[in-house]
Amino acid sequence: MTTSEYDWWWGKRVNDNAPMPSPENTRPIEEHLQVISSELEKKYRIVARRKDAARIRCRHLEVRSRENEKRK
C-alpha cells in the first residue's frame, strides 16, 4: 500500500527522467513532413528507374529468345 505522497514523488521522479526536446532540435511538423515527402519522392524515382531497366532487360531477353527459336 502506498501513500498519495509516495505516488506523487514516484510520478515526479519518472517524469523528471523523461528527455525533453530542446528548442534548437525541434522543427515544425510541416517542415518534418516535407522532408519525409522529398525522401519518398527520391525513393520512388529510384524504384521507377529500376522498374524501367527491368522492363528493358525483359524485352531484350524476349527478343533473344525469339531469335534463338527462329534459328532452330
Protein backbone atom coordinates (compact mmCIF):
# COMPACT_ATOMS: atom_id res chain seq x y z
CA MET A 1 0.00 0.00 0.00
CA THR A 2 1.36 3.39 -0.95
CA THR A 3 0.58 6.87 0.21
CA SER A 4 -0.52 9.69 -2.04
CA GLU A 5 2.74 11.47 -1.26
CA TYR A 6 4.75 8.47 -2.46
CA ASP A 7 2.66 8.26 -5.63
CA TRP A 8 3.28 11.95 -6.29
CA TRP A 9 7.01 11.55 -5.65
CA TRP A 10 7.24 8.49 -7.90
CA GLY A 11 5.33 10.20 -10.73
CA LYS A 12 7.54 13.25 -10.47
CA ARG A 13 10.67 11.11 -10.46
CA VAL A 14 9.63 9.16 -13.55
CA ASN A 15 8.61 12.32 -15.41
CA ASP A 16 11.84 14.10 -14.46
CA ASN A 17 13.82 11.33 -16.16
CA ALA A 18 11.96 11.66 -19.47
CA PRO A 19 14.01 13.55 -22.05
CA MET A 20 12.51 16.84 -23.11
CA PRO A 21 13.00 18.10 -26.66
CA SER A 22 15.36 21.02 -26.88
CA PRO A 23 14.14 24.08 -28.81
CA GLU A 24 17.10 24.05 -31.20
CA ASN A 25 16.43 20.44 -32.29
CA THR A 26 12.72 20.82 -32.90
CA ARG A 27 11.14 21.82 -36.18
CA PRO A 28 7.56 22.41 -37.23
CA ILE A 29 5.56 19.37 -38.29
CA GLU A 30 5.06 20.85 -41.77
CA GLU A 31 8.82 21.03 -42.31
CA HIS A 32 9.24 17.49 -40.99
CA LEU A 33 6.58 16.19 -43.37
CA GLN A 34 8.19 18.00 -46.32
CA VAL A 35 11.47 16.24 -45.58
CA ILE A 36 9.73 12.88 -45.46
CA SER A 37 7.86 13.70 -48.67
CA SER A 38 11.05 14.60 -50.56
CA GLU A 39 12.78 11.43 -49.33
CA LEU A 40 9.84 9.34 -50.52
CA GLU A 41 9.91 11.06 -53.91
CA LYS A 42 13.61 10.23 -54.30
CA LYS A 43 13.00 6.59 -53.43
CA TYR A 44 10.01 6.47 -55.79
CA ARG A 45 12.20 7.75 -58.66
CA ILE A 46 14.86 5.12 -57.89
CA VAL A 47 12.27 2.34 -57.92
CA ALA A 48 10.77 3.66 -61.16
CA ARG A 49 14.21 3.66 -62.84
CA ARG A 50 14.90 0.10 -61.69
CA LYS A 51 11.48 -0.98 -62.92
CA ASP A 52 12.14 0.58 -66.34
CA ALA A 53 15.55 -1.10 -66.52
CA ALA A 54 13.98 -4.45 -65.66
CA ARG A 55 11.38 -3.99 -68.42
CA ILE A 56 14.13 -3.25 -70.94
CA ARG A 57 16.09 -6.35 -69.88
CA CYS A 58 12.93 -8.45 -70.11
CA ARG A 59 12.17 -7.21 -73.63
CA HIS A 60 15.77 -7.82 -74.64
CA LEU A 61 15.56 -11.40 -73.37
CA GLU A 62 12.27 -11.94 -75.21
CA VAL A 63 13.83 -10.76 -78.48
CA ARG A 64 16.83 -13.03 -77.97
CA SER A 65 14.54 -15.94 -77.21
CA ARG A 66 12.56 -15.36 -80.42
CA GLU A 67 15.77 -15.08 -82.44
CA ASN A 68 17.05 -18.35 -81.00
CA GLU A 69 13.76 -20.09 -81.81
CA LYS A 70 13.92 -18.87 -85.42
CA ARG A 71 17.45 -20.24 -85.80
CA LYS A 72 16.36 -23.73 -84.78
